[in-house]
N, C-alpha and C. Protein backbone atom coordinates (compact mmCIF):
# COMPACT_ATOMS: atom_id res chain seq x y z
N MET A 1 0.81 -1.20 0.00
CA MET A 1 0.00 0.00 0.00
C MET A 1 0.86 1.26 0.00
N GLU A 2 2.16 1.10 -0.07
CA GLU A 2 3.03 2.28 -0.07
C GLU A 2 2.93 3.11 -1.34
N ASN A 3 2.40 2.53 -2.41
CA ASN A 3 2.25 3.25 -3.67
C ASN A 3 0.89 3.92 -3.82
N ILE A 4 0.03 3.81 -2.80
CA ILE A 4 -1.32 4.35 -2.86
C ILE A 4 -1.30 5.84 -2.52
N LYS A 5 -1.93 6.63 -3.38
CA LYS A 5 -2.07 8.07 -3.15
C LYS A 5 -3.53 8.44 -3.30
N ILE A 6 -4.00 9.34 -2.43
CA ILE A 6 -5.39 9.80 -2.46
C ILE A 6 -5.37 11.32 -2.50
N LYS A 7 -6.25 11.89 -3.33
CA LYS A 7 -6.34 13.34 -3.44
C LYS A 7 -7.67 13.72 -4.08
N ILE A 8 -7.94 15.01 -4.13
CA ILE A 8 -9.07 15.53 -4.90
C ILE A 8 -8.57 15.74 -6.33
N ILE A 9 -9.29 15.19 -7.29
CA ILE A 9 -8.86 15.31 -8.68
C ILE A 9 -9.06 16.74 -9.18
N GLU A 10 -8.16 17.17 -10.01
CA GLU A 10 -8.25 18.49 -10.61
C GLU A 10 -9.42 18.52 -11.60
N LYS A 11 -10.07 19.70 -11.69
CA LYS A 11 -11.23 19.83 -12.59
C LYS A 11 -10.90 19.44 -14.02
N ASP A 12 -9.71 19.79 -14.47
CA ASP A 12 -9.37 19.51 -15.87
C ASP A 12 -9.04 18.04 -16.12
N ARG A 13 -9.03 17.22 -15.07
CA ARG A 13 -8.78 15.78 -15.20
C ARG A 13 -10.02 14.96 -14.85
N ILE A 14 -11.15 15.62 -14.59
CA ILE A 14 -12.33 14.93 -14.06
C ILE A 14 -12.81 13.78 -14.96
N LEU A 15 -12.66 13.90 -16.26
CA LEU A 15 -13.15 12.83 -17.14
C LEU A 15 -12.32 11.55 -17.03
N ASP A 16 -11.18 11.61 -16.34
CA ASP A 16 -10.39 10.40 -16.10
C ASP A 16 -11.17 9.37 -15.28
N ILE A 17 -12.20 9.83 -14.56
CA ILE A 17 -12.96 8.91 -13.69
C ILE A 17 -13.99 8.07 -14.45
N VAL A 18 -14.30 8.44 -15.68
CA VAL A 18 -15.38 7.79 -16.41
C VAL A 18 -15.24 6.27 -16.50
N PRO A 19 -14.06 5.71 -16.83
CA PRO A 19 -13.98 4.25 -16.90
C PRO A 19 -14.36 3.54 -15.59
N LEU A 20 -13.96 4.10 -14.45
CA LEU A 20 -14.35 3.49 -13.18
C LEU A 20 -15.84 3.67 -12.91
N ILE A 21 -16.37 4.84 -13.24
CA ILE A 21 -17.81 5.07 -13.06
C ILE A 21 -18.60 4.03 -13.84
N GLN A 22 -18.10 3.68 -15.02
CA GLN A 22 -18.81 2.70 -15.85
C GLN A 22 -18.80 1.30 -15.24
N GLN A 23 -17.87 1.00 -14.32
CA GLN A 23 -17.91 -0.29 -13.63
C GLN A 23 -19.15 -0.39 -12.75
N LEU A 24 -19.61 0.75 -12.24
CA LEU A 24 -20.79 0.79 -11.38
C LEU A 24 -22.05 1.09 -12.19
N ASN A 25 -21.91 1.93 -13.20
CA ASN A 25 -23.06 2.41 -13.95
C ASN A 25 -22.86 2.14 -15.44
N ASP A 26 -23.38 1.01 -15.89
CA ASP A 26 -23.27 0.70 -17.32
C ASP A 26 -24.57 1.02 -18.06
N GLN A 27 -25.50 1.68 -17.37
CA GLN A 27 -26.79 2.04 -17.97
C GLN A 27 -26.74 3.38 -18.72
N THR A 28 -25.95 4.31 -18.21
CA THR A 28 -25.92 5.65 -18.78
C THR A 28 -24.99 5.67 -20.00
N PRO A 29 -25.47 6.14 -21.14
CA PRO A 29 -24.61 6.22 -22.33
C PRO A 29 -23.34 7.04 -22.04
N PHE A 30 -22.23 6.62 -22.61
CA PHE A 30 -20.92 7.19 -22.37
C PHE A 30 -20.91 8.72 -22.51
N GLU A 31 -21.43 9.23 -23.61
CA GLU A 31 -21.40 10.68 -23.84
C GLU A 31 -22.25 11.44 -22.83
N LEU A 32 -23.38 10.86 -22.45
CA LEU A 32 -24.24 11.49 -21.45
C LEU A 32 -23.55 11.48 -20.08
N LEU A 33 -22.87 10.41 -19.76
CA LEU A 33 -22.12 10.32 -18.51
C LEU A 33 -21.06 11.42 -18.45
N LYS A 34 -20.32 11.59 -19.52
CA LYS A 34 -19.30 12.65 -19.56
C LYS A 34 -19.93 14.03 -19.40
N GLU A 35 -21.03 14.27 -20.08
CA GLU A 35 -21.73 15.56 -19.98
C GLU A 35 -22.18 15.84 -18.54
N ARG A 36 -22.72 14.85 -17.90
CA ARG A 36 -23.19 15.02 -16.52
C ARG A 36 -22.03 15.29 -15.56
N ILE A 37 -20.94 14.57 -15.73
CA ILE A 37 -19.78 14.75 -14.85
C ILE A 37 -19.20 16.16 -15.01
N LEU A 38 -19.15 16.63 -16.24
CA LEU A 38 -18.66 18.00 -16.47
C LEU A 38 -19.57 19.04 -15.83
N GLU A 39 -20.85 18.78 -15.80
CA GLU A 39 -21.80 19.68 -15.13
C GLU A 39 -21.64 19.59 -13.61
N MET A 40 -21.46 18.37 -13.09
CA MET A 40 -21.32 18.18 -11.65
C MET A 40 -20.13 18.93 -11.09
N ILE A 41 -19.00 18.91 -11.79
CA ILE A 41 -17.77 19.51 -11.28
C ILE A 41 -17.91 21.02 -11.12
N GLU A 42 -18.94 21.61 -11.74
CA GLU A 42 -19.19 23.05 -11.60
C GLU A 42 -20.17 23.35 -10.48
N GLN A 43 -20.63 22.31 -9.80
CA GLN A 43 -21.56 22.48 -8.70
C GLN A 43 -20.83 22.27 -7.37
N ASN A 44 -21.52 22.06 -6.30
CA ASN A 44 -20.93 21.92 -4.97
C ASN A 44 -20.41 20.49 -4.79
N TYR A 45 -19.48 20.10 -5.64
CA TYR A 45 -19.03 18.72 -5.79
C TYR A 45 -17.51 18.66 -5.93
N GLU A 46 -16.94 17.65 -5.33
CA GLU A 46 -15.54 17.30 -5.53
C GLU A 46 -15.47 15.80 -5.77
N CYS A 47 -14.35 15.36 -6.31
CA CYS A 47 -14.17 13.93 -6.52
C CYS A 47 -12.82 13.51 -5.96
N ALA A 48 -12.86 12.65 -4.94
CA ALA A 48 -11.64 12.07 -4.39
C ALA A 48 -11.25 10.90 -5.28
N VAL A 49 -9.95 10.77 -5.50
CA VAL A 49 -9.45 9.68 -6.33
C VAL A 49 -8.31 8.98 -5.61
N MET A 50 -8.17 7.70 -5.93
CA MET A 50 -7.10 6.88 -5.37
C MET A 50 -6.28 6.31 -6.51
N TYR A 51 -4.96 6.42 -6.38
CA TYR A 51 -4.04 5.91 -7.39
C TYR A 51 -3.13 4.87 -6.79
N ASP A 52 -2.82 3.86 -7.57
CA ASP A 52 -1.72 2.95 -7.29
C ASP A 52 -0.63 3.35 -8.27
N ASN A 53 0.40 4.00 -7.77
CA ASN A 53 1.37 4.70 -8.62
C ASN A 53 0.60 5.69 -9.49
N GLU A 54 0.55 5.49 -10.78
CA GLU A 54 -0.16 6.42 -11.67
C GLU A 54 -1.51 5.86 -12.14
N LYS A 55 -1.84 4.63 -11.71
CA LYS A 55 -3.08 4.00 -12.15
C LYS A 55 -4.24 4.41 -11.25
N LEU A 56 -5.30 4.95 -11.85
CA LEU A 56 -6.51 5.32 -11.11
C LEU A 56 -7.25 4.04 -10.72
N ILE A 57 -7.42 3.84 -9.38
CA ILE A 57 -8.05 2.60 -8.91
C ILE A 57 -9.28 2.86 -8.04
N GLY A 58 -9.55 4.12 -7.72
CA GLY A 58 -10.71 4.41 -6.88
C GLY A 58 -11.23 5.81 -7.11
N VAL A 59 -12.55 5.96 -7.02
CA VAL A 59 -13.19 7.28 -7.10
C VAL A 59 -14.30 7.36 -6.06
N CYS A 60 -14.53 8.59 -5.61
CA CYS A 60 -15.63 8.85 -4.69
C CYS A 60 -16.05 10.30 -4.86
N GLY A 61 -17.25 10.50 -5.36
CA GLY A 61 -17.78 11.85 -5.45
C GLY A 61 -18.19 12.33 -4.07
N ILE A 62 -18.03 13.62 -3.83
CA ILE A 62 -18.41 14.20 -2.55
C ILE A 62 -19.22 15.47 -2.81
N TRP A 63 -20.44 15.47 -2.34
CA TRP A 63 -21.32 16.63 -2.41
C TRP A 63 -21.35 17.28 -1.04
N TYR A 64 -21.35 18.61 -0.98
CA TYR A 64 -21.40 19.32 0.29
C TYR A 64 -22.70 20.09 0.40
N MET A 65 -23.29 20.06 1.61
CA MET A 65 -24.54 20.76 1.85
C MET A 65 -24.74 20.95 3.34
N THR A 66 -25.70 21.79 3.70
CA THR A 66 -26.11 21.93 5.09
C THR A 66 -27.54 21.43 5.17
N ARG A 67 -27.78 20.52 6.09
CA ARG A 67 -29.10 19.93 6.28
C ARG A 67 -29.66 20.41 7.61
N HIS A 68 -30.94 20.71 7.66
CA HIS A 68 -31.55 21.19 8.90
C HIS A 68 -31.46 20.16 10.01
N TYR A 69 -31.42 18.88 9.68
CA TYR A 69 -31.47 17.83 10.69
C TYR A 69 -30.10 17.37 11.18
N ILE A 70 -28.99 17.78 10.52
CA ILE A 70 -27.68 17.29 10.94
C ILE A 70 -26.59 18.35 10.84
N GLY A 71 -26.83 19.45 10.13
CA GLY A 71 -25.80 20.48 9.96
C GLY A 71 -25.03 20.28 8.67
N LYS A 72 -23.80 20.80 8.64
CA LYS A 72 -22.98 20.70 7.43
C LYS A 72 -22.57 19.24 7.25
N SER A 73 -22.83 18.74 6.06
CA SER A 73 -22.54 17.33 5.81
C SER A 73 -22.01 17.14 4.40
N MET A 74 -21.48 15.96 4.21
CA MET A 74 -21.08 15.53 2.87
C MET A 74 -21.95 14.34 2.51
N GLU A 75 -22.19 14.21 1.23
CA GLU A 75 -22.84 13.00 0.73
C GLU A 75 -21.87 12.35 -0.23
N VAL A 76 -21.42 11.15 0.12
CA VAL A 76 -20.53 10.43 -0.79
C VAL A 76 -21.38 9.79 -1.88
N ASP A 77 -20.82 9.73 -3.07
CA ASP A 77 -21.57 9.33 -4.25
C ASP A 77 -20.63 8.54 -5.17
N HIS A 78 -21.17 7.60 -5.87
CA HIS A 78 -20.43 6.74 -6.81
C HIS A 78 -19.05 6.34 -6.28
N VAL A 79 -19.06 5.60 -5.18
CA VAL A 79 -17.84 5.10 -4.57
C VAL A 79 -17.45 3.82 -5.29
N ILE A 80 -16.27 3.81 -5.87
CA ILE A 80 -15.85 2.65 -6.65
C ILE A 80 -14.37 2.38 -6.40
N ILE A 81 -14.06 1.14 -6.08
CA ILE A 81 -12.68 0.64 -6.09
C ILE A 81 -12.62 -0.34 -7.26
N ASP A 82 -11.62 -0.17 -8.11
CA ASP A 82 -11.46 -1.05 -9.27
C ASP A 82 -11.60 -2.51 -8.84
N ASN A 83 -12.31 -3.26 -9.66
CA ASN A 83 -12.60 -4.68 -9.35
C ASN A 83 -11.35 -5.46 -8.96
N THR A 84 -10.23 -5.19 -9.59
CA THR A 84 -9.01 -5.98 -9.33
C THR A 84 -8.33 -5.59 -8.02
N TYR A 85 -8.79 -4.54 -7.36
CA TYR A 85 -8.17 -4.07 -6.11
C TYR A 85 -9.06 -4.28 -4.89
N ARG A 86 -10.22 -4.86 -5.07
CA ARG A 86 -11.14 -5.03 -3.94
C ARG A 86 -10.65 -6.10 -2.97
N GLY A 87 -11.09 -5.97 -1.73
CA GLY A 87 -10.74 -6.96 -0.72
C GLY A 87 -9.34 -6.77 -0.13
N GLN A 88 -8.72 -5.60 -0.33
CA GLN A 88 -7.37 -5.36 0.16
C GLN A 88 -7.32 -4.27 1.24
N GLY A 89 -8.50 -3.86 1.74
CA GLY A 89 -8.53 -2.83 2.77
C GLY A 89 -8.45 -1.41 2.23
N LEU A 90 -8.54 -1.26 0.92
CA LEU A 90 -8.41 0.07 0.32
C LEU A 90 -9.66 0.92 0.55
N GLY A 91 -10.82 0.30 0.68
CA GLY A 91 -12.04 1.06 0.95
C GLY A 91 -11.94 1.77 2.29
N ARG A 92 -11.45 1.09 3.29
CA ARG A 92 -11.28 1.68 4.63
C ARG A 92 -10.26 2.82 4.56
N LEU A 93 -9.14 2.60 3.88
CA LEU A 93 -8.11 3.63 3.72
C LEU A 93 -8.69 4.86 3.02
N PHE A 94 -9.47 4.63 1.97
CA PHE A 94 -10.09 5.70 1.19
C PHE A 94 -11.05 6.50 2.07
N PHE A 95 -11.90 5.81 2.80
CA PHE A 95 -12.88 6.50 3.63
C PHE A 95 -12.22 7.25 4.79
N ASP A 96 -11.16 6.71 5.36
CA ASP A 96 -10.44 7.45 6.41
C ASP A 96 -9.96 8.79 5.87
N TRP A 97 -9.41 8.78 4.65
CA TRP A 97 -8.94 10.02 4.02
C TRP A 97 -10.13 10.97 3.75
N ILE A 98 -11.22 10.42 3.22
CA ILE A 98 -12.41 11.23 2.89
C ILE A 98 -12.99 11.88 4.15
N TYR A 99 -13.08 11.13 5.26
CA TYR A 99 -13.60 11.70 6.50
C TYR A 99 -12.72 12.87 6.98
N LYS A 100 -11.42 12.69 6.95
CA LYS A 100 -10.51 13.76 7.37
C LYS A 100 -10.67 14.98 6.48
N HIS A 101 -10.77 14.75 5.19
CA HIS A 101 -10.94 15.86 4.24
C HIS A 101 -12.25 16.61 4.53
N ALA A 102 -13.32 15.87 4.72
CA ALA A 102 -14.62 16.51 4.97
C ALA A 102 -14.62 17.26 6.31
N LYS A 103 -14.01 16.69 7.33
CA LYS A 103 -13.92 17.38 8.61
C LYS A 103 -13.13 18.68 8.48
N SER A 104 -12.10 18.68 7.64
CA SER A 104 -11.31 19.89 7.43
C SER A 104 -12.13 21.00 6.76
N LYS A 105 -13.24 20.62 6.12
CA LYS A 105 -14.15 21.56 5.49
C LYS A 105 -15.33 21.90 6.40
N GLY A 106 -15.31 21.39 7.63
CA GLY A 106 -16.34 21.70 8.61
C GLY A 106 -17.52 20.76 8.62
N CYS A 107 -17.43 19.63 7.94
CA CYS A 107 -18.56 18.69 7.92
C CYS A 107 -18.70 17.98 9.26
N GLU A 108 -19.96 17.80 9.64
CA GLU A 108 -20.30 17.15 10.89
C GLU A 108 -20.87 15.74 10.69
N ALA A 109 -21.20 15.40 9.45
CA ALA A 109 -21.83 14.11 9.17
C ALA A 109 -21.55 13.69 7.74
N SER A 110 -21.76 12.41 7.48
CA SER A 110 -21.64 11.86 6.14
C SER A 110 -22.91 11.07 5.83
N GLU A 111 -23.42 11.27 4.64
CA GLU A 111 -24.60 10.54 4.17
C GLU A 111 -24.24 9.84 2.87
N LEU A 112 -25.06 8.87 2.49
CA LEU A 112 -24.84 8.22 1.21
C LEU A 112 -26.09 7.48 0.77
N ASN A 113 -26.11 7.17 -0.49
CA ASN A 113 -27.10 6.28 -1.08
C ASN A 113 -26.32 5.12 -1.69
N THR A 114 -26.91 3.96 -1.68
CA THR A 114 -26.28 2.81 -2.33
C THR A 114 -27.38 2.01 -3.02
N TYR A 115 -27.03 1.41 -4.13
CA TYR A 115 -28.01 0.63 -4.87
C TYR A 115 -28.48 -0.56 -4.03
N THR A 116 -29.75 -0.85 -4.07
CA THR A 116 -30.31 -1.96 -3.29
C THR A 116 -29.73 -3.31 -3.71
N GLY A 117 -29.31 -3.42 -4.96
CA GLY A 117 -28.76 -4.67 -5.47
C GLY A 117 -27.27 -4.84 -5.23
N ASN A 118 -26.70 -4.05 -4.32
CA ASN A 118 -25.26 -4.11 -4.07
C ASN A 118 -25.00 -4.45 -2.59
N PRO A 119 -25.32 -5.68 -2.18
CA PRO A 119 -25.21 -6.03 -0.75
C PRO A 119 -23.80 -5.94 -0.19
N LYS A 120 -22.76 -6.13 -1.00
CA LYS A 120 -21.39 -6.01 -0.49
C LYS A 120 -21.13 -4.58 0.00
N SER A 121 -21.68 -3.61 -0.72
CA SER A 121 -21.49 -2.23 -0.27
C SER A 121 -22.24 -1.99 1.04
N HIS A 122 -23.40 -2.60 1.19
CA HIS A 122 -24.18 -2.42 2.41
C HIS A 122 -23.37 -2.88 3.63
N LYS A 123 -22.75 -4.04 3.51
CA LYS A 123 -21.93 -4.56 4.60
C LYS A 123 -20.79 -3.61 4.92
N PHE A 124 -20.13 -3.11 3.88
CA PHE A 124 -19.03 -2.16 4.08
C PHE A 124 -19.51 -0.93 4.84
N TYR A 125 -20.63 -0.36 4.40
CA TYR A 125 -21.12 0.87 5.03
C TYR A 125 -21.58 0.63 6.46
N TYR A 126 -22.20 -0.50 6.74
CA TYR A 126 -22.54 -0.83 8.13
C TYR A 126 -21.27 -0.88 8.98
N ASN A 127 -20.23 -1.52 8.44
CA ASN A 127 -18.96 -1.61 9.17
C ASN A 127 -18.31 -0.24 9.36
N GLU A 128 -18.62 0.71 8.51
CA GLU A 128 -18.11 2.08 8.63
C GLU A 128 -18.93 2.90 9.62
N GLY A 129 -20.01 2.33 10.15
CA GLY A 129 -20.82 3.03 11.14
C GLY A 129 -22.04 3.75 10.58
N TYR A 130 -22.33 3.56 9.29
CA TYR A 130 -23.53 4.17 8.71
C TYR A 130 -24.75 3.40 9.21
N GLU A 131 -25.84 4.12 9.37
CA GLU A 131 -27.12 3.54 9.76
C GLU A 131 -28.18 3.96 8.75
N ILE A 132 -29.13 3.10 8.50
CA ILE A 132 -30.23 3.45 7.62
C ILE A 132 -31.19 4.33 8.41
N LYS A 133 -31.39 5.55 7.93
CA LYS A 133 -32.27 6.51 8.60
C LYS A 133 -33.51 6.82 7.75
N GLY A 134 -33.55 6.29 6.54
CA GLY A 134 -34.68 6.57 5.66
C GLY A 134 -34.51 5.81 4.36
N PHE A 135 -35.33 6.14 3.40
CA PHE A 135 -35.25 5.55 2.07
C PHE A 135 -35.02 6.66 1.07
N HIS A 136 -34.28 6.36 0.03
CA HIS A 136 -34.08 7.31 -1.06
C HIS A 136 -35.08 6.95 -2.16
N PHE A 137 -35.97 7.86 -2.45
CA PHE A 137 -36.95 7.65 -3.51
C PHE A 137 -36.52 8.43 -4.74
N LEU A 138 -36.86 7.92 -5.89
CA LEU A 138 -36.52 8.57 -7.15
C LEU A 138 -37.72 8.48 -8.08
N LYS A 139 -38.06 9.60 -8.69
CA LYS A 139 -39.10 9.62 -9.71
C LYS A 139 -38.47 10.18 -10.98
N VAL A 140 -38.44 9.39 -12.02
CA VAL A 140 -37.92 9.84 -13.31
C VAL A 140 -39.01 10.65 -13.99
N MET A 141 -38.71 11.88 -14.35
CA MET A 141 -39.69 12.77 -14.97
C MET A 141 -39.48 12.94 -16.47
N ARG A 142 -38.46 12.27 -17.02
CA ARG A 142 -38.25 12.31 -18.47
C ARG A 142 -39.40 11.61 -19.16
N GLU A 143 -39.64 11.99 -20.39
CA GLU A 143 -40.73 11.39 -21.17
C GLU A 143 -40.59 9.88 -21.30
N ASP A 144 -39.33 9.39 -21.46
CA ASP A 144 -39.16 7.95 -21.65
C ASP A 144 -39.28 7.18 -20.32
N GLY A 145 -39.24 7.88 -19.18
CA GLY A 145 -39.43 7.27 -17.88
C GLY A 145 -38.30 6.34 -17.44
N LYS A 146 -37.18 6.34 -18.18
CA LYS A 146 -36.11 5.39 -17.90
C LYS A 146 -35.07 5.97 -16.95
N PHE A 147 -34.45 5.09 -16.20
CA PHE A 147 -33.36 5.42 -15.28
C PHE A 147 -32.04 5.20 -16.00
N TYR A 148 -31.33 6.27 -16.28
CA TYR A 148 -29.99 6.15 -16.88
C TYR A 148 -29.17 7.37 -16.61
């Protein structure tokens, strides 16, 4: 793990994350995914990345907000460790860095959503101390009604 580096990716390198995002999200067309990521980076969003030497092996989007029920918080989004690097303790290392980074920005809490069909992530998040406090509902308002 001595070659592992974690940082916030520079805005001009944000599209480097697309191949890893596609490991989690193969529903969204490639060009639309790129368009959305470019829009996200201009909002209240950062993306933490993990490298093994120069190889990108992990991404985690971080949204910042203030919630009436918890105060200043971060919401982690699209957390991905490359398939070939899973099971090596890198998720814990990544989250330790993310928590420190968020605390340095004044965050008091962390929230997240995870796909219901991803039970391995559920176990990880329980082990990280997350608790289910509600349900995330989604209504697609596009004419085609599809989730992508």
